[in-house]
Amino acid sequence: MSLDELLKRYDVDLSTLPAAPANPADHEVRTRITTKPLQPCAVCGQDSATVRVLITDHGPRWLDLCWDHGWTVAEPSPQMPTTTEGILADLREVITELAAKTGTKASLKLWTDKAGWQDEHHG
């Protein structure tokens, strides 16, 4: 789900979000997500676990989200694989490099709940 879809689905009023610096320093973000009491999630009111700054018509605003709503709108990095096959391909590459650098043998075995051990790879 996109961030816009989440905000629309839960009718989040951006004007009620707390004012934020346009480009907060890392320590400001860390402080916001670690200082007790934790900020409430803008969607559900639970303790927040993530925060971002939205540039709105009302100026920059903090958007605090709980773990679940934060992950709902998390987007993978453009370089990250998003399929099991892509993740396994990356792991195979790392195993092969590790084995070559260390002169040892390394292996990867994937366990799935449905099929048991799958996709054994040796570097």
Protein backbone atom coordinates (compact mmCIF):
# COMPACT_ATOMS: atom_id res chain seq x y z
CA MET A 1 0.00 0.00 0.00
CA SER A 2 1.28 3.46 -0.79
CA LEU A 3 1.59 6.16 1.85
CA ASP A 4 -1.11 8.23 0.11
CA GLU A 5 -3.46 5.23 0.14
CA LEU A 6 -2.85 4.67 3.86
CA LEU A 7 -3.49 8.32 4.71
CA LYS A 8 -6.69 8.40 2.64
CA ARG A 9 -7.98 5.04 3.90
CA TYR A 10 -7.69 6.17 7.52
CA ASP A 11 -8.65 9.79 6.84
CA VAL A 12 -5.50 11.22 8.43
CA ASP A 13 -5.80 15.01 8.66
CA LEU A 14 -2.34 16.29 7.76
CA SER A 15 -3.03 19.66 9.37
CA THR A 16 -3.24 17.97 12.79
CA LEU A 17 0.17 16.32 12.55
CA PRO A 18 2.91 17.94 14.66
CA ALA A 19 5.12 20.52 12.94
CA ALA A 20 8.54 19.18 11.98
CA PRO A 21 11.80 20.55 10.63
CA ALA A 22 11.97 20.18 6.85
CA ASN A 23 15.23 18.22 7.03
CA PRO A 24 15.63 16.81 10.55
CA ALA A 25 19.06 15.66 11.63
CA ASP A 26 19.47 11.95 12.38
CA HIS A 27 19.62 12.64 16.12
CA GLU A 28 16.26 14.47 15.94
CA VAL A 29 14.64 11.45 14.28
CA ARG A 30 16.20 9.03 16.81
CA THR A 31 15.06 11.21 19.69
CA ARG A 32 11.51 11.33 18.33
CA ILE A 33 11.18 7.55 18.04
CA THR A 34 12.91 6.68 21.33
CA THR A 35 11.77 9.31 23.85
CA LYS A 36 9.17 8.05 26.31
CA PRO A 37 6.30 8.36 26.18
CA LEU A 38 6.37 7.32 22.54
CA GLN A 39 4.42 9.35 20.02
CA PRO A 40 1.06 7.89 18.97
CA CYS A 41 0.67 6.38 15.50
CA ALA A 42 -1.16 8.90 13.28
CA VAL A 43 -3.35 6.06 12.01
CA CYS A 44 -4.27 3.94 15.04
CA GLY A 45 -2.92 5.70 18.13
CA GLN A 46 -0.62 2.85 19.21
CA ASP A 47 2.98 3.64 20.20
CA SER A 48 4.98 4.71 17.18
CA ALA A 49 8.03 2.82 15.97
CA THR A 50 8.82 4.81 12.83
CA VAL A 51 8.66 8.44 11.81
CA ARG A 52 9.08 10.42 8.65
CA VAL A 53 8.60 14.03 7.64
CA LEU A 54 5.86 14.88 5.17
CA ILE A 55 5.96 18.14 3.27
CA THR A 56 2.32 19.26 3.29
CA ASP A 57 0.32 22.36 2.43
CA HIS A 58 0.59 23.10 6.15
CA GLY A 59 4.40 22.90 6.14
CA PRO A 60 6.62 19.98 7.16
CA ARG A 61 4.88 17.57 9.55
CA TRP A 62 5.99 14.55 11.55
CA LEU A 63 4.19 11.35 10.54
CA ASP A 64 4.56 8.89 13.40
CA LEU A 65 3.55 5.31 12.57
CA CYS A 66 3.38 2.13 14.64
CA TRP A 67 5.36 -0.92 13.55
CA ASP A 68 2.47 -2.41 11.54
CA HIS A 69 1.51 0.77 9.70
CA GLY A 70 5.17 1.67 9.13
CA TRP A 71 5.77 -1.69 7.43
CA THR A 72 2.54 -1.34 5.46
CA VAL A 73 4.05 1.57 3.54
CA ALA A 74 7.72 0.51 3.55
CA GLU A 75 9.17 0.37 0.06
CA PRO A 76 12.20 -1.72 -0.82
CA SER A 77 15.32 -0.02 -2.01
CA PRO A 78 15.55 -0.09 -5.82
CA GLN A 79 18.56 -2.44 -5.55
CA MET A 80 16.82 -4.90 -3.19
CA PRO A 81 15.32 -8.09 -4.53
CA THR A 82 11.61 -8.42 -3.80
CA THR A 83 11.05 -12.09 -4.62
CA THR A 84 12.26 -15.22 -2.89
CA GLU A 85 14.16 -16.14 -6.04
CA GLY A 86 15.91 -12.75 -6.09
CA ILE A 87 16.82 -12.96 -2.42
CA LEU A 88 18.23 -16.48 -2.91
CA ALA A 89 20.23 -15.33 -5.92
CA ASP A 90 21.81 -12.59 -3.79
CA LEU A 91 22.55 -15.08 -1.00
CA ARG A 92 24.15 -17.50 -3.47
CA GLU A 93 26.39 -14.70 -4.74
CA VAL A 94 27.49 -13.79 -1.20
CA ILE A 95 28.16 -17.45 -0.34
CA THR A 96 30.28 -17.87 -3.45
CA GLU A 97 32.28 -14.70 -2.65
CA LEU A 98 32.72 -15.73 0.99
CA ALA A 99 33.94 -19.17 0.04
CA ALA A 100 36.40 -17.71 -2.48
CA LYS A 101 37.77 -15.15 0.02
CA THR A 102 38.13 -17.55 2.93
CA GLY A 103 39.13 -20.65 1.02
CA THR A 104 36.39 -22.58 2.80
CA LYS A 105 33.22 -24.27 1.73
CA ALA A 106 29.90 -22.62 2.53
CA SER A 107 26.39 -23.79 1.81
CA LEU A 108 22.86 -22.46 1.83
CA LYS A 109 19.76 -24.52 2.46
CA LEU A 110 16.30 -23.00 2.50
CA TRP A 111 13.67 -24.41 4.84
CA THR A 112 10.04 -23.84 3.93
CA ASP A 113 7.08 -24.78 6.08
CA LYS A 114 5.35 -26.43 3.14
CA ALA A 115 8.10 -28.33 1.37
CA GLY A 116 10.90 -28.84 3.91
CA TRP A 117 14.49 -28.34 2.80
CA GLN A 118 14.79 -26.76 -0.63
CA ASP A 119 17.38 -25.15 -2.87
CA GLU A 120 20.71 -26.34 -1.50
CA HIS A 121 23.66 -24.32 -2.81
CA HIS A 122 27.37 -24.72 -2.17
CA GLY A 123 29.97 -22.02 -2.66
